[in-house]
Amino acid sequence: MTARLLRFPLFLILTGIAALLMLLPALDALMRGNTGVAGAFFYAGLLGLAAVVATGLAISGQVAGREPTDAQHLGSLLLAYLLLPLYLALPFYEGVQTTTFVNAYVEMVSSLTTTGATMFGAPGRLADSLHLWRGLVGWGGGLLIWISASAVLAPMSLGGFEVTVRAEPGQDDAMLGRFQRALPSRRVAQATRLLTPVYLGLTLVLWIALMAGGERAFVALVHAMSTMATSGISSVGGLHNGASGLGGEIAVFLFLVFALSRLTFSSDTVPTARPGLVNDPEFRLGLVLVMTVPLVLFARHWIGSIELAEPMHPTDALRALWGAVFTVLSFLSTTGFESADWQAARAWSGLGAPGLILMGLAMIGGGVATTAGGVRLLRVYALYLHAHREFERLVHPSSVGRASGTGRRIRRQGAYIAWIFFMLFALTLTAVTALLAMAGLDFEAALILALAGLSTTGPLITSATEDPVRLIELGAFGKLVFSGAMVLGRIETLALVALINPMAWRE
């Protein structure tokens, strides 16, 4: 039964799952007595299920003996990010009633791509059931990228895996071509069976931990889902506005570690020759950033407090250091939550937000095959290895590299591919910034908004500058450009280039 279902287009399957998920906010709104929102979600879900079933019956004869290819799955994934939000926005638009459909579409693109940028940040602007829908869509988008990374991107040497394999991006590894590879639909089914219980279980554990810290059950659920999806979606304007306090921040901090390396939750597609999380270069590089960058931020706050002649109490210093550590990991994982102590440290020092540091962390991003966005730690590590070796050759031109075969592969071909991706990322960032500037934004706002979209770090638009960028004030053209940037940031430019390559469609 599962094998037959997976022969249908991935876009159709995702639409059916979205229709089923709509019943949850419908039930929540009904229990709250909000019949208007409940009806919008119920009827949208019912009509969606009817359309999916009718379409499936109509094409069942065509897909009976056909196996979807990896390129078709990748194309369906791109269509899902572009077109599925049109359906996801229908009940949201009907539930809000005081916004345009373009705003609802951008909101759903932001949620599905785990960006988390919102145009409805004012307290009380949305009903709790609509916040639940945003959280569910973001949570589902995180699970989608987990499964897609294992079953679609990894076999095609994309999504960061191109750094370690021998194949060209968009192609199978030549060394593995001697063996019969599992069918794409079987890989999707296997990844779904393995990863969904882990993802669901971790979300449940974090939900319970946040409630134990004193958070309201609904807010704890939204924060737990957005933490696992690294979307930064919140129903109260951020984690610092919640009631869980320091205990909740510690719990979220521990679960944000899952965005640094795939080895924290899975043992397949290991990017290193030596097993173990300690030997994983992504995890080690992430820890180095989490330990060093907060020291710089703490020194910045400390110097600012001296200039203001404010007394420095040990408790204030420790809380300021914790606020920096939490916020650094949050933006490195492209989640975008701020610690309450981060806000207190800024008030204590009298300094504004370190926008460039937060933007740099978001641009680096998290680990390969995680829900985090950005350039990814593995690509940064490959560029670091190459730069380190080049400096060694400047001192000792006749020296021989000491790395193993895998290390040499990452340092040479891996660094070359990583540099290509970085250049594509920079060119895309330039183009999106220019388009947003054409939409009426100044350079700083356009750059922050472009980087927030391409790194899937929506809260960056309010945290990286003293004057937050107001998405609601953008015109339709600027909102659609931002939506395109979020899709590019999630699917990655290199995957888009591989998708339009005719070689990827040859079976």
Protein backbone atom coordinates (compact mmCIF):
# COMPACT_ATOMS: atom_id res chain seq x y z
CA MET A 1 0.00 0.00 0.00
CA THR A 2 2.79 2.40 0.94
CA ALA A 3 4.72 1.57 -2.22
CA ARG A 4 1.66 2.35 -4.36
CA LEU A 5 1.08 5.67 -2.60
CA LEU A 6 4.71 6.74 -3.08
CA ARG A 7 4.40 6.29 -6.83
CA PHE A 8 2.10 9.30 -6.91
CA PRO A 9 3.70 12.75 -7.35
CA LEU A 10 5.30 14.02 -4.16
CA PHE A 11 3.40 17.29 -4.50
CA LEU A 12 0.07 15.43 -4.41
CA ILE A 13 1.12 13.48 -1.30
CA LEU A 14 2.18 16.65 0.49
CA THR A 15 -1.12 18.33 -0.39
CA GLY A 16 -3.02 15.41 1.15
CA ILE A 17 -0.92 15.63 4.34
CA ALA A 18 -1.55 19.38 4.51
CA ALA A 19 -5.30 18.78 4.19
CA LEU A 20 -5.22 16.34 7.09
CA LEU A 21 -3.21 18.76 9.25
CA MET A 22 -5.87 21.43 8.74
CA LEU A 23 -8.22 19.39 10.91
CA LEU A 24 -6.03 20.09 13.96
CA PRO A 25 -6.43 23.91 14.01
CA ALA A 26 -10.09 23.38 13.07
CA LEU A 27 -10.56 21.29 16.22
CA ASP A 28 -8.57 23.78 18.30
CA ALA A 29 -10.65 26.72 17.07
CA LEU A 30 -13.88 24.79 17.70
CA MET A 31 -12.84 24.08 21.29
CA ARG A 32 -12.13 27.80 21.74
CA GLY A 33 -15.54 28.73 20.36
CA ASN A 34 -14.12 30.43 17.27
CA THR A 35 -16.48 28.90 14.72
CA GLY A 36 -15.35 31.16 11.87
CA VAL A 37 -11.73 29.98 12.01
CA ALA A 38 -12.84 26.39 12.66
CA GLY A 39 -15.06 26.41 9.59
CA ALA A 40 -12.33 27.89 7.38
CA PHE A 41 -9.87 25.13 8.26
CA PHE A 42 -12.43 22.33 8.23
CA TYR A 43 -13.87 23.13 4.81
CA ALA A 44 -10.43 23.85 3.31
CA GLY A 45 -9.18 20.50 4.58
CA LEU A 46 -12.27 18.66 3.37
CA LEU A 47 -12.09 20.20 -0.10
CA GLY A 48 -8.37 19.51 -0.26
CA LEU A 49 -8.83 15.85 0.60
CA ALA A 50 -11.57 15.53 -2.01
CA ALA A 51 -9.35 17.13 -4.66
CA VAL A 52 -6.40 14.90 -3.77
CA VAL A 53 -8.50 11.73 -3.87
CA ALA A 54 -10.10 12.70 -7.19
CA THR A 55 -6.73 13.55 -8.74
CA GLY A 56 -5.20 10.34 -7.42
CA LEU A 57 -7.97 8.22 -8.92
CA ALA A 58 -7.64 10.04 -12.24
CA ILE A 59 -3.90 9.40 -12.59
CA SER A 60 -3.73 6.03 -10.83
CA GLY A 61 -3.48 4.19 -14.16
CA GLN A 62 -0.58 6.34 -15.34
CA VAL A 63 1.54 5.88 -12.21
CA ALA A 64 0.80 2.16 -11.69
CA GLY A 65 4.00 0.91 -13.34
CA ARG A 66 6.13 4.03 -13.13
CA GLU A 67 8.79 4.78 -10.53
CA PRO A 68 9.51 8.50 -9.84
CA THR A 69 13.16 9.50 -10.30
CA ASP A 70 15.29 11.57 -7.96
CA ALA A 71 15.03 14.54 -10.32
CA GLN A 72 11.25 14.28 -10.30
CA HIS A 73 11.22 14.22 -6.50
CA LEU A 74 13.46 17.30 -6.46
CA GLY A 75 11.17 19.06 -8.94
CA SER A 76 8.15 18.15 -6.82
CA LEU A 77 9.93 19.55 -3.77
CA LEU A 78 10.48 22.85 -5.57
CA LEU A 79 6.83 22.95 -6.68
CA ALA A 80 5.76 22.23 -3.12
CA TYR A 81 7.61 25.26 -1.79
CA LEU A 82 6.20 27.47 -4.54
CA LEU A 83 2.61 26.22 -4.99
CA LEU A 84 1.63 24.40 -1.80
CA PRO A 85 1.55 27.70 0.20
CA LEU A 86 -1.27 28.81 -2.11
CA TYR A 87 -3.40 26.06 -0.60
CA LEU A 88 -2.01 26.50 2.90
CA ALA A 89 -2.89 30.20 2.78
CA LEU A 90 -6.59 29.65 2.01
CA PRO A 91 -7.82 28.90 5.56
CA PHE A 92 -5.31 31.35 7.01
CA TYR A 93 -6.64 34.12 4.77
CA GLU A 94 -10.24 33.28 5.64
CA GLY A 95 -9.39 33.08 9.33
CA VAL A 96 -7.65 36.47 9.51
CA GLN A 97 -10.23 38.23 7.30
CA THR A 98 -8.40 41.57 7.55
CA THR A 99 -5.44 40.92 5.25
CA THR A 100 -4.70 40.26 1.61
CA PHE A 101 -4.12 36.86 0.07
CA VAL A 102 -0.57 37.90 -0.87
CA ASN A 103 0.19 38.47 2.80
CA ALA A 104 -1.24 35.06 3.69
CA TYR A 105 0.80 33.42 0.92
CA VAL A 106 4.06 35.03 2.10
CA GLU A 107 3.26 33.97 5.66
CA MET A 108 2.82 30.36 4.59
CA VAL A 109 5.98 30.37 2.44
CA SER A 110 7.83 31.71 5.48
CA SER A 111 6.42 28.94 7.67
CA LEU A 112 6.91 26.06 5.21
CA THR A 113 10.54 27.03 4.51
CA THR A 114 11.13 27.31 8.31
CA THR A 115 12.08 30.98 7.88
CA GLY A 116 9.67 32.26 10.51
CA ALA A 117 9.37 35.86 9.30
CA THR A 118 5.91 37.19 10.04
CA MET A 119 3.79 40.17 9.10
CA PHE A 120 1.47 39.64 12.06
CA GLY A 121 3.83 40.22 14.97
CA ALA A 122 1.56 42.54 16.93
CA PRO A 123 0.17 40.87 20.11
CA GLY A 124 -3.41 39.74 19.64
CA ARG A 125 -3.29 40.24 15.87
CA LEU A 126 -3.90 36.54 15.22
CA ALA A 127 -6.07 34.02 17.02
CA ASP A 128 -4.26 31.19 18.79
CA SER A 129 -5.57 28.68 16.25
CA LEU A 130 -3.86 30.65 13.46
CA HIS A 131 -0.61 30.64 15.44
CA LEU A 132 -1.04 26.89 15.79
CA TRP A 133 -1.36 26.60 12.02
CA ARG A 134 1.82 28.62 11.51
CA GLY A 135 3.63 26.37 13.96
CA LEU A 136 2.29 23.19 12.35
CA VAL A 137 3.29 24.29 8.85
CA GLY A 138 6.77 25.20 10.08
CA TRP A 139 7.08 21.90 11.97
CA GLY A 140 5.99 19.97 8.90
CA GLY A 141 8.45 21.92 6.77
CA GLY A 142 11.25 20.91 9.11
CA LEU A 143 10.30 17.24 8.87
CA LEU A 144 10.07 17.58 5.09
CA ILE A 145 13.63 18.84 4.79
CA TRP A 146 14.88 16.09 7.14
CA ILE A 147 13.35 13.41 4.95
CA SER A 148 14.25 15.12 1.66
CA ALA A 149 17.88 15.52 2.67
CA SER A 150 18.26 11.78 3.25
CA ALA A 151 16.09 10.42 0.46
CA VAL A 152 16.48 13.03 -2.32
CA LEU A 153 19.38 15.46 -1.81
CA ALA A 154 21.99 13.00 -0.53
CA PRO A 155 21.66 10.54 -3.47
CA MET A 156 21.94 13.49 -5.89
CA SER A 157 25.04 14.90 -4.13
CA LEU A 158 23.24 18.11 -3.14
CA GLY A 159 22.39 19.98 0.03
CA GLY A 160 25.99 19.94 1.31
CA PHE A 161 26.69 16.28 0.54
CA GLU A 162 28.49 17.35 -2.64
CA VAL A 163 31.45 18.37 -0.45
CA THR A 164 32.27 14.80 0.58
CA VAL A 165 31.24 12.61 -2.38
CA ARG A 166 33.06 12.10 -5.66
CA ALA A 167 30.10 12.70 -7.94
CA GLU A 168 29.17 16.01 -9.53
CA PRO A 169 26.26 17.89 -7.94
CA GLY A 170 23.01 16.43 -9.23
CA GLN A 171 24.60 13.05 -10.05
CA ASP A 172 25.07 9.75 -8.22
CA ASP A 173 28.42 8.88 -6.71
CA ALA A 174 30.44 6.95 -9.29
CA MET A 175 31.88 4.68 -6.58
CA LEU A 176 28.37 3.67 -5.55
CA GLY A 177 27.24 3.19 -9.11
CA ARG A 178 28.69 -0.33 -9.12
CA PHE A 179 25.98 -1.35 -6.65
CA GLN A 180 22.24 -1.35 -7.16
CA ARG A 181 20.79 1.66 -5.40
CA ALA A 182 17.41 1.47 -3.69
CA LEU A 183 14.48 2.90 -5.61
CA PRO A 184 13.71 6.57 -4.85
CA SER A 185 10.25 5.80 -3.47
CA ARG A 186 11.68 3.13 -1.18
CA ARG A 187 14.30 5.56 0.12
CA VAL A 188 11.58 8.13 0.86
CA ALA A 189 9.53 5.50 2.69
CA GLN A 190 12.51 4.29 4.69
CA ALA A 191 13.60 7.81 5.66
CA THR A 192 10.04 8.65 6.68
CA ARG A 193 9.74 5.57 8.89
CA LEU A 194 13.10 6.22 10.55
CA LEU A 195 13.05 9.98 11.04
CA THR A 196 9.40 10.77 11.78
CA PRO A 197 9.31 8.99 15.18
CA VAL A 198 12.58 10.68 16.17
CA TYR A 199 11.32 14.11 15.12
CA LEU A 200 7.96 13.62 16.81
CA GLY A 201 9.51 12.21 19.98
CA LEU A 202 12.00 15.05 20.36
CA THR A 203 9.21 17.60 19.89
CA LEU A 204 7.12 15.88 22.55
CA VAL A 205 10.00 15.79 25.04
CA LEU A 206 10.74 19.49 24.54
CA TRP A 207 7.04 20.33 24.87
CA ILE A 208 6.91 18.57 28.23
CA ALA A 209 10.14 20.26 29.36
CA LEU A 210 8.81 23.72 28.53
CA MET A 211 5.55 23.03 30.36
CA ALA A 212 7.55 21.82 33.35
CA GLY A 213 9.34 25.17 33.29
CA GLY A 214 6.04 26.97 33.76
CA GLU A 215 5.04 27.72 30.18
CA ARG A 216 1.41 27.58 29.07
CA ALA A 217 0.71 24.35 27.16
CA PHE A 218 -0.22 26.05 23.89
CA VAL A 219 2.78 28.41 23.88
CA ALA A 220 5.07 25.53 24.87
CA LEU A 221 3.79 23.47 21.94
CA VAL A 222 4.41 26.25 19.42
CA HIS A 223 7.90 26.92 20.79
CA ALA A 224 8.74 23.20 20.81
CA MET A 225 7.67 22.80 17.17
CA SER A 226 9.52 25.92 16.06
CA THR A 227 12.68 24.86 17.91
CA MET A 228 12.80 21.46 16.22
CA ALA A 229 12.08 23.08 12.84
CA THR A 230 14.45 26.03 13.56
CA SER A 231 11.68 28.33 12.34
CA GLY A 232 11.59 30.75 15.28
CA ILE A 233 7.78 30.91 15.11
CA SER A 234 6.18 32.13 18.33
CA SER A 235 2.67 33.00 19.42
CA VAL A 236 3.90 35.51 22.02
CA GLY A 237 6.53 37.39 20.02
CA GLY A 238 9.55 35.30 20.96
CA LEU A 239 10.91 32.92 23.56
CA HIS A 240 11.93 35.83 25.78
CA ASN A 241 8.26 36.79 26.14
CA GLY A 242 7.33 33.34 27.42
CA ALA A 243 6.89 32.20 31.00
CA SER A 244 9.35 29.29 31.06
CA GLY A 245 12.26 31.52 32.08
CA LEU A 246 15.85 30.31 32.30
CA GLY A 247 14.84 26.65 32.54
CA GLY A 248 12.94 26.89 29.25
CA GLU A 249 15.89 28.57 27.56
CA ILE A 250 18.23 25.81 28.72
CA ALA A 251 15.85 23.17 27.35
CA VAL A 252 15.59 24.94 24.00
CA PHE A 253 19.38 25.40 23.93
CA LEU A 254 19.93 21.65 24.31
CA PHE A 255 17.54 20.87 21.47
CA LEU A 256 19.05 23.51 19.18
CA VAL A 257 22.21 21.37 19.17
CA PHE A 258 20.36 19.00 16.80
CA ALA A 259 20.73 21.68 14.11
CA LEU A 260 24.54 21.59 14.27
CA SER A 261 25.07 18.08 12.93
CA ARG A 262 23.06 15.26 11.45
CA LEU A 263 24.92 12.83 13.69
CA THR A 264 22.99 14.16 16.69
CA PHE A 265 19.88 12.31 15.52
CA SER A 266 20.96 9.88 12.77
CA SER A 267 23.91 7.72 11.85
CA ASP A 268 23.37 7.47 8.09
CA THR A 269 25.02 9.64 5.42
CA VAL A 270 27.98 10.23 7.74
CA PRO A 271 30.19 13.00 6.28
CA THR A 272 33.41 11.79 7.92
CA ALA A 273 35.54 8.69 7.78
CA ARG A 274 35.82 8.43 11.57
CA PRO A 275 32.52 7.67 13.31
CA GLY A 276 31.24 9.52 16.34
CA LEU A 277 29.83 12.94 17.07
CA VAL A 278 33.12 14.13 18.62
CA ASN A 279 34.92 13.56 15.31
CA ASP A 280 32.26 15.30 13.24
CA PRO A 281 33.78 18.52 11.80
CA GLU A 282 30.41 20.28 11.66
CA PHE A 283 29.70 19.70 15.33
CA ARG A 284 33.20 20.73 16.37
CA LEU A 285 33.13 23.88 14.26
CA GLY A 286 29.70 24.75 15.65
CA LEU A 287 30.97 24.36 19.21
CA VAL A 288 33.97 26.58 18.46
CA LEU A 289 31.64 29.32 17.22
CA VAL A 290 29.31 28.94 20.19
CA MET A 291 32.25 29.23 22.60
CA THR A 292 34.20 32.07 20.95
CA VAL A 293 31.59 34.45 19.52
CA PRO A 294 29.76 34.92 22.87
CA LEU A 295 33.08 35.99 24.45
CA VAL A 296 33.33 38.74 21.84
CA LEU A 297 29.76 39.82 22.49
CA PHE A 298 30.29 39.71 26.26
CA ALA A 299 33.41 41.87 25.93
CA ARG A 300 31.36 44.30 23.85
CA HIS A 301 28.70 44.57 26.57
CA TRP A 302 31.35 44.87 29.28
CA ILE A 303 33.14 47.73 27.51
CA GLY A 304 29.81 49.45 26.95
CA SER A 305 28.97 49.21 30.64
CA ILE A 306 32.33 50.76 31.57
CA GLU A 307 31.67 53.72 29.28
CA LEU A 308 28.31 54.22 30.98
CA ALA A 309 29.93 53.89 34.42
CA GLU A 310 27.46 51.14 35.30
CA PRO A 311 28.51 48.79 38.13
CA MET A 312 29.24 45.28 36.92
CA HIS A 313 27.78 42.68 39.25
CA PRO A 314 28.88 39.04 38.85
CA THR A 315 25.26 37.94 38.44
CA ASP A 316 24.72 40.46 35.66
CA ALA A 317 27.90 39.31 33.95
CA LEU A 318 26.92 35.64 34.06
CA ARG A 319 23.43 36.36 32.76
CA ALA A 320 24.86 38.51 29.98
CA LEU A 321 27.25 35.69 29.02
CA TRP A 322 24.40 33.16 28.98
CA GLY A 323 22.28 35.49 26.86
CA ALA A 324 25.11 35.74 24.34
CA VAL A 325 25.70 31.96 24.25
CA PHE A 326 22.01 31.18 23.72
CA THR A 327 21.49 33.85 21.07
CA VAL A 328 24.63 32.83 19.16
CA LEU A 329 23.50 29.19 18.95
CA SER A 330 19.98 30.30 18.07
CA PHE A 331 21.10 32.39 15.10
CA LEU A 332 23.77 29.88 14.06
CA SER A 333 21.00 27.28 13.82
CA THR A 334 18.93 29.90 11.89
CA THR A 335 16.18 29.75 14.53
CA GLY A 336 16.38 33.37 15.65
CA PHE A 337 15.15 33.13 19.25
CA GLU A 338 16.60 35.75 21.61
CA SER A 339 17.34 35.13 25.26
CA ALA A 340 15.69 37.33 27.86
CA ASP A 341 19.19 37.94 29.25
CA TRP A 342 20.28 39.09 25.79
CA GLN A 343 17.75 41.90 26.05
CA ALA A 344 18.89 42.67 29.62
CA ALA A 345 22.56 42.75 28.57
CA ARG A 346 21.81 45.24 25.81
CA ALA A 347 19.96 47.46 28.26
CA TRP A 348 22.82 47.09 30.78
CA SER A 349 25.51 48.12 28.28
CA GLY A 350 23.44 50.68 26.42
CA LEU A 351 24.55 49.23 23.07
CA GLY A 352 22.43 48.33 20.09
CA ALA A 353 22.13 44.98 18.38
CA PRO A 354 25.36 43.59 16.84
CA GLY A 355 23.69 43.20 13.47
CA LEU A 356 26.75 42.16 11.48
CA ILE A 357 27.60 39.34 13.91
CA LEU A 358 24.05 37.99 13.88
CA MET A 359 23.92 38.21 10.09
CA GLY A 360 27.25 36.40 9.82
CA LEU A 361 26.07 33.59 12.09
CA ALA A 362 22.84 33.19 10.13
CA MET A 363 24.76 33.14 6.84
CA ILE A 364 27.05 30.34 8.13
CA GLY A 365 24.04 28.32 9.24
CA GLY A 366 23.90 24.84 10.73
CA GLY A 367 24.71 21.30 9.69
CA VAL A 368 24.08 19.36 6.52
CA ALA A 369 20.74 17.50 6.36
CA THR A 370 19.32 19.43 9.32
CA THR A 371 16.49 21.93 9.42
CA ALA A 372 18.97 24.82 9.58
CA GLY A 373 19.66 26.97 6.53
CA GLY A 374 22.61 29.12 5.48
CA VAL A 375 25.83 28.15 3.74
CA ARG A 376 26.21 25.16 6.13
CA LEU A 377 29.06 24.30 8.48
CA LEU A 378 30.47 21.51 6.32
CA ARG A 379 31.11 23.90 3.43
CA VAL A 380 32.76 26.41 5.77
CA TYR A 381 34.91 23.60 7.15
CA ALA A 382 36.00 22.59 3.63
CA LEU A 383 37.02 26.17 2.87
CA TYR A 384 38.90 26.34 6.18
CA LEU A 385 40.85 23.15 5.39
CA HIS A 386 41.80 24.49 1.98
CA ALA A 387 42.91 27.86 3.39
CA HIS A 388 44.93 26.14 6.14
CA ARG A 389 46.73 23.97 3.60
CA GLU A 390 47.49 26.96 1.37
CA PHE A 391 49.06 28.80 4.31
CA GLU A 392 51.17 25.72 5.04
CA ARG A 393 52.40 25.68 1.44
CA LEU A 394 53.41 29.33 1.70
CA VAL A 395 55.72 28.44 4.59
CA HIS A 396 56.81 25.00 3.30
CA PRO A 397 56.27 24.82 -0.50
CA SER A 398 57.50 21.20 -0.71
CA SER A 399 55.44 19.86 2.18
CA VAL A 400 52.99 16.98 1.84
CA GLY A 401 49.51 17.17 3.27
CA ARG A 402 48.91 15.00 6.33
CA ALA A 403 45.20 14.39 5.83
CA SER A 404 43.61 11.06 4.96
CA GLY A 405 41.90 10.31 1.65
CA THR A 406 38.61 11.75 2.86
CA GLY A 407 40.36 14.83 4.21
CA ARG A 408 42.15 15.40 0.91
CA ARG A 409 38.85 15.02 -0.93
CA ILE A 410 37.19 17.69 1.24
CA ARG A 411 40.23 19.97 1.08
CA ARG A 412 40.51 19.90 -2.73
CA GLN A 413 37.37 19.01 -4.71
CA GLY A 414 35.13 19.65 -1.70
CA ALA A 415 36.52 23.12 -1.21
CA TYR A 416 36.13 23.82 -4.91
CA ILE A 417 32.43 22.89 -4.84
CA ALA A 418 31.96 24.79 -1.56
CA TRP A 419 33.51 27.89 -3.12
CA ILE A 420 31.19 27.60 -6.12
CA PHE A 421 28.20 27.40 -3.79
CA PHE A 422 29.45 30.38 -1.79
CA MET A 423 29.80 32.43 -4.98
CA LEU A 424 26.29 31.42 -6.07
CA PHE A 425 25.02 32.41 -2.64
CA ALA A 426 26.78 35.78 -2.84
CA LEU A 427 25.48 36.47 -6.36
CA THR A 428 21.96 35.50 -5.32
CA LEU A 429 22.23 37.73 -2.25
CA THR A 430 23.31 40.63 -4.47
CA ALA A 431 20.46 40.08 -6.91
CA VAL A 432 17.80 39.77 -4.21
CA THR A 433 19.14 42.87 -2.43
CA ALA A 434 18.95 44.84 -5.67
CA LEU A 435 15.38 43.67 -6.33
CA LEU A 436 14.30 44.59 -2.81
CA ALA A 437 15.95 47.99 -3.23
CA MET A 438 13.89 48.42 -6.39
CA ALA A 439 10.83 47.64 -4.25
CA GLY A 440 11.52 50.76 -2.16
CA LEU A 441 13.78 49.60 0.68
CA ASP A 442 17.04 51.30 1.60
CA PHE A 443 20.28 49.34 1.27
CA GLU A 444 20.54 48.19 4.90
CA ALA A 445 16.94 46.99 5.09
CA ALA A 446 17.18 45.30 1.68
CA LEU A 447 20.39 43.48 2.65
CA ILE A 448 18.98 42.28 5.98
CA LEU A 449 15.74 41.11 4.37
CA ALA A 450 17.60 39.33 1.56
CA LEU A 451 19.92 37.54 3.98
CA ALA A 452 17.00 36.64 6.24
CA GLY A 453 15.27 34.97 3.30
CA LEU A 454 18.29 33.17 1.85
CA SER A 455 19.43 31.91 5.25
CA THR A 456 15.85 31.09 6.36
CA THR A 457 16.30 33.20 9.51
CA GLY A 458 13.17 35.31 9.64
CA PRO A 459 13.70 36.88 13.11
CA LEU A 460 16.83 38.51 11.68
CA ILE A 461 14.67 41.33 10.29
CA THR A 462 13.83 42.47 13.82
CA SER A 463 17.06 41.55 15.65
CA ALA A 464 19.80 42.76 13.30
CA THR A 465 18.81 46.42 13.30
CA GLU A 466 17.42 49.02 15.66
CA ASP A 467 14.62 49.80 13.19
CA PRO A 468 12.92 46.49 12.34
CA VAL A 469 11.99 45.88 8.72
CA ARG A 470 8.21 45.87 8.46
CA LEU A 471 7.18 43.27 5.90
CA ILE A 472 3.58 44.43 5.99
CA GLU A 473 4.63 47.78 4.48
CA LEU A 474 6.28 46.18 1.44
CA GLY A 475 4.45 46.22 -1.88
CA ALA A 476 3.31 43.07 -3.63
CA PHE A 477 6.48 42.97 -5.74
CA GLY A 478 8.77 43.14 -2.70
CA LYS A 479 6.79 40.44 -0.88
CA LEU A 480 6.99 38.09 -3.85
CA VAL A 481 10.73 38.71 -4.17
CA PHE A 482 11.14 37.88 -0.50
CA SER A 483 9.08 34.71 -1.00
CA GLY A 484 11.35 33.68 -3.86
CA ALA A 485 14.40 34.31 -1.67
CA MET A 486 13.00 32.05 1.05
CA VAL A 487 12.37 29.25 -1.44
CA LEU A 488 15.89 29.64 -2.87
CA GLY A 489 17.32 29.59 0.64
CA ARG A 490 15.51 26.36 1.46
CA ILE A 491 16.03 24.47 -1.82
CA GLU A 492 19.50 26.04 -2.39
CA THR A 493 20.75 27.61 -5.62
CA LEU A 494 23.05 24.70 -6.42
CA ALA A 495 20.10 22.30 -6.34
CA LEU A 496 18.18 24.61 -8.67
CA VAL A 497 21.11 24.65 -11.10
CA ALA A 498 21.31 20.85 -10.96
CA LEU A 499 17.56 20.62 -11.53
CA ILE A 500 17.74 22.46 -14.85
CA ASN A 501 20.70 20.35 -15.96
CA PRO A 502 19.49 17.84 -18.60
CA MET A 503 21.88 15.21 -17.21
CA ALA A 504 19.84 15.04 -14.01
CA TRP A 505 16.75 13.90 -15.92
CA ARG A 506 18.44 11.02 -17.74
CA GLU A 507 17.61 7.67 -16.20
